């Protein structure tokens, strides 16, 4: 009995070490992405992997629904008809995501089938990157530095097979964040594809 408990404990410890190693690697990638983007606005992404989209100024009165609430139907047509990606993300020769940006919002359409529970999607991209932006913005809202309802908000959409189809991000609030989101989602998708053996 003790041997089985010890094996379970060792298995859990090994899994936890692997998760922490991934988190460290993800944080290092984020630091590298942030340092490599200390270029003037409008400069090309490093290595030509993804092109940063142009962003319009923030609309002061715009409010984003919380991610728990299902979005209301979109207003007719302005984004839906003939929508052209503002950036594409490729890994090797394979296009893995298309990015659409309008005003202060971004949609990331995944072109590969990946599950939301595949590391490091939730632990890194949602919790550490988008979650950190959201937390900082909500703090600024409470302190009166941002208007109410202007904190970053996001939603992950999945299909009937539980594959991620789209990530919607509202109230990005600055161009630096746009570049960081593109860099970190590219890195995240690459790690997820490795995990799923693609």
Protein backbone atom coordinates (compact mmCIF):
# COMPACT_ATOMS: atom_id res chain seq x y z
CA UNK A 1 0.00 0.00 0.00
CA UNK A 2 2.77 2.45 0.92
CA UNK A 3 4.54 1.70 -2.36
CA UNK A 4 1.42 2.65 -4.37
CA UNK A 5 1.02 5.90 -2.40
CA UNK A 6 4.68 6.71 -2.95
CA UNK A 7 4.35 6.04 -6.70
CA UNK A 8 1.32 8.34 -6.87
CA UNK A 9 3.17 11.04 -4.97
CA UNK A 10 6.23 10.70 -7.24
CA UNK A 11 4.01 10.82 -10.32
CA UNK A 12 2.28 13.99 -9.07
CA UNK A 13 5.64 15.61 -8.23
CA UNK A 14 7.06 14.81 -11.68
CA UNK A 15 3.95 16.21 -13.36
CA UNK A 16 4.14 19.36 -11.23
CA UNK A 17 7.84 19.84 -12.10
CA UNK A 18 6.97 19.54 -15.79
CA UNK A 19 4.18 22.13 -15.42
CA UNK A 20 6.51 24.54 -13.59
CA UNK A 21 9.23 24.04 -16.22
CA UNK A 22 6.67 24.92 -18.92
CA UNK A 23 5.61 28.00 -16.98
CA UNK A 24 9.23 29.15 -16.62
CA UNK A 25 9.79 28.60 -20.35
CA UNK A 26 6.59 30.53 -21.12
CA UNK A 27 7.59 33.44 -18.90
CA UNK A 28 11.05 33.56 -20.51
CA UNK A 29 9.36 33.66 -23.92
CA UNK A 30 7.16 36.52 -22.77
CA UNK A 31 10.19 38.46 -21.51
CA UNK A 32 11.96 37.87 -24.84
CA UNK A 33 8.85 38.95 -26.77
CA UNK A 34 8.50 42.10 -24.71
CA UNK A 35 12.20 42.97 -25.05
CA UNK A 36 12.20 42.33 -28.80
CA UNK A 37 9.25 44.69 -29.27
CA UNK A 38 10.92 47.80 -27.92
CA UNK A 39 10.71 49.13 -31.46
CA UNK A 40 8.78 52.16 -32.69
CA UNK A 41 5.07 51.65 -33.32
CA UNK A 42 4.45 50.32 -36.82
CA UNK A 43 7.76 48.45 -37.02
CA UNK A 44 7.56 44.88 -38.29
CA UNK A 45 7.45 41.90 -35.95
CA UNK A 46 10.80 40.22 -35.35
CA UNK A 47 11.61 37.44 -37.84
CA UNK A 48 8.49 38.22 -39.89
CA UNK A 49 6.50 35.53 -38.04
CA UNK A 50 3.45 37.69 -37.43
CA UNK A 51 2.57 41.14 -38.57
CA UNK A 52 1.26 43.45 -35.83
CA UNK A 53 -2.09 44.93 -36.85
CA UNK A 54 -2.74 48.66 -36.77
CA UNK A 55 -5.00 49.77 -33.94
CA UNK A 56 -7.39 52.69 -33.81
CA UNK A 57 -7.58 54.92 -30.74
CA UNK A 58 -9.64 53.60 -27.84
CA UNK A 59 -13.26 54.70 -27.90
CA UNK A 60 -13.77 56.20 -24.46
CA UNK A 61 -17.36 55.05 -23.94
CA UNK A 62 -16.90 51.49 -25.22
CA UNK A 63 -17.83 48.76 -22.73
CA UNK A 64 -16.98 45.08 -22.92
CA UNK A 65 -19.25 42.43 -21.43
CA UNK A 66 -17.64 40.19 -18.82
CA UNK A 67 -16.33 36.96 -20.31
CA UNK A 68 -18.86 34.85 -18.36
CA UNK A 69 -21.76 36.50 -20.19
CA UNK A 70 -22.62 35.25 -23.66
CA UNK A 71 -22.09 38.02 -26.22
CA UNK A 72 -25.11 39.72 -27.73
CA UNK A 73 -25.60 39.26 -31.46
CA UNK A 74 -23.16 41.42 -33.40
CA UNK A 75 -24.44 44.56 -35.09
CA UNK A 76 -25.17 43.93 -38.75
CA UNK A 77 -22.34 43.37 -41.13
CA UNK A 78 -19.43 45.71 -40.41
CA UNK A 79 -17.01 42.92 -39.34
CA UNK A 80 -18.70 39.88 -40.84
CA UNK A 81 -18.68 40.67 -44.55
CA UNK A 82 -15.41 40.18 -46.45
CA UNK A 83 -13.36 40.22 -43.27
CA UNK A 84 -9.66 40.13 -44.05
CA UNK A 85 -7.08 39.14 -41.41
CA UNK A 86 -4.85 41.94 -40.19
CA UNK A 87 -2.18 39.35 -39.32
CA UNK A 88 -1.48 35.65 -39.80
CA UNK A 89 0.51 33.42 -37.48
CA UNK A 90 2.57 30.64 -39.03
CA UNK A 91 4.63 27.91 -37.47
CA UNK A 92 7.02 26.58 -40.06
CA UNK A 93 5.08 26.51 -43.34
CA UNK A 94 1.75 26.01 -41.62
CA UNK A 95 -0.71 28.85 -40.96
CA UNK A 96 -2.08 28.25 -37.47
CA UNK A 97 -4.09 31.39 -36.71
CA UNK A 98 -5.64 34.42 -38.35
CA UNK A 99 -5.95 37.67 -36.42
CA UNK A 100 -8.69 40.18 -37.04
CA UNK A 101 -8.61 43.57 -35.39
CA UNK A 102 -11.22 46.28 -35.37
CA UNK A 103 -10.91 49.36 -33.18
CA UNK A 104 -9.95 48.14 -29.71
CA UNK A 105 -10.91 44.49 -30.22
CA UNK A 106 -9.08 41.44 -31.52
CA UNK A 107 -10.32 38.06 -32.71
CA UNK A 108 -7.87 35.18 -33.05
CA UNK A 109 -9.24 32.38 -35.22
CA UNK A 110 -7.37 29.12 -34.73
CA UNK A 111 -6.75 27.22 -37.97
CA UNK A 112 -5.60 24.06 -36.14
CA UNK A 113 -7.67 21.86 -33.84
CA UNK A 114 -6.43 22.36 -30.26
CA UNK A 115 -8.19 21.71 -26.94
CA UNK A 116 -8.42 24.51 -24.33
CA UNK A 117 -7.08 22.18 -21.62
CA UNK A 118 -3.82 21.56 -23.50
CA UNK A 119 -0.94 23.26 -21.66
CA UNK A 120 0.09 26.02 -21.63
CA UNK A 121 -3.12 27.61 -23.00
CA UNK A 122 -4.94 28.19 -19.73
CA UNK A 123 -2.00 28.26 -17.32
CA UNK A 124 0.02 30.71 -19.40
CA UNK A 125 -1.91 32.50 -22.14
CA UNK A 126 -5.24 32.93 -20.33
CA UNK A 127 -4.10 33.18 -16.70
CA UNK A 128 -0.67 34.83 -16.97
CA UNK A 129 -1.00 37.01 -20.08
CA UNK A 130 -4.65 37.97 -20.61
CA UNK A 131 -5.59 37.45 -16.95
CA UNK A 132 -2.79 39.75 -15.81
CA UNK A 133 -3.90 42.51 -18.22
CA UNK A 134 -7.49 42.08 -17.04
CA UNK A 135 -6.49 42.24 -13.36
CA UNK A 136 -4.37 45.38 -13.87
CA UNK A 137 -7.15 47.09 -15.83
CA UNK A 138 -9.79 46.27 -13.21
CA UNK A 139 -7.50 47.71 -10.54
CA UNK A 140 -7.16 50.89 -12.62
CA UNK A 141 -10.96 51.01 -12.96
CA UNK A 142 -11.34 50.80 -9.18
CA UNK A 143 -8.78 53.59 -8.75
CA UNK A 144 -10.57 55.74 -11.32
CA UNK A 145 -7.66 55.66 -13.81
CA UNK A 146 -9.83 53.87 -16.41
CA UNK A 147 -13.53 54.41 -17.13
CA UNK A 148 -15.85 51.67 -15.85
CA UNK A 149 -16.23 48.83 -18.36
CA UNK A 150 -12.97 49.55 -20.18
CA UNK A 151 -10.89 46.74 -18.62
CA UNK A 152 -9.60 44.05 -20.95
CA UNK A 153 -12.05 41.16 -21.28
CA UNK A 154 -11.77 37.92 -23.21
CA UNK A 155 -13.80 34.91 -24.25
CA UNK A 156 -12.75 31.54 -25.66
CA UNK A 157 -15.12 29.88 -28.13
CA UNK A 158 -15.02 26.15 -28.84
CA UNK A 159 -16.75 23.86 -31.32
CA UNK A 160 -18.79 20.71 -30.62
CA UNK A 161 -15.55 18.67 -30.33
CA UNK A 162 -14.21 21.11 -27.70
CA UNK A 163 -11.55 22.52 -30.03
CA UNK A 164 -10.76 26.21 -29.71
CA UNK A 165 -12.25 28.07 -32.66
CA UNK A 166 -11.77 31.67 -31.61
CA UNK A 167 -10.41 33.89 -28.86
CA UNK A 168 -12.17 37.26 -28.56
CA UNK A 169 -10.33 40.02 -26.72
CA UNK A 170 -11.90 43.41 -26.02
CA UNK A 171 -10.41 46.64 -24.65
CA UNK A 172 -6.80 45.89 -25.50
CA UNK A 173 -6.01 49.56 -24.79
CA UNK A 174 -2.54 49.88 -26.35
CA UNK A 175 -0.35 48.79 -29.26
CA UNK A 176 2.29 47.18 -27.03
CA UNK A 177 -0.34 44.76 -25.70
CA UNK A 178 -1.36 43.90 -29.25
CA UNK A 179 2.22 42.90 -30.11
CA UNK A 180 2.63 40.94 -26.87
CA UNK A 181 -0.65 39.06 -27.40
CA UNK A 182 0.38 38.09 -30.95
CA UNK A 183 3.84 36.93 -29.80
CA UNK A 184 2.55 34.97 -26.82
CA UNK A 185 -0.33 33.26 -28.67
CA UNK A 186 2.13 32.15 -31.36
CA UNK A 187 4.44 30.66 -28.72
CA UNK A 188 1.45 29.11 -26.90
CA UNK A 189 0.06 27.48 -30.06
CA UNK A 190 3.51 26.05 -30.89
CA UNK A 191 3.77 24.45 -27.42
CA UNK A 192 0.19 23.12 -27.63
CA UNK A 193 0.91 21.56 -31.02
CA UNK A 194 4.01 19.87 -29.56
CA UNK A 195 1.91 18.51 -26.67
CA UNK A 196 -0.71 17.14 -29.04
CA UNK A 197 1.96 15.68 -31.35
CA UNK A 198 1.32 17.84 -34.41
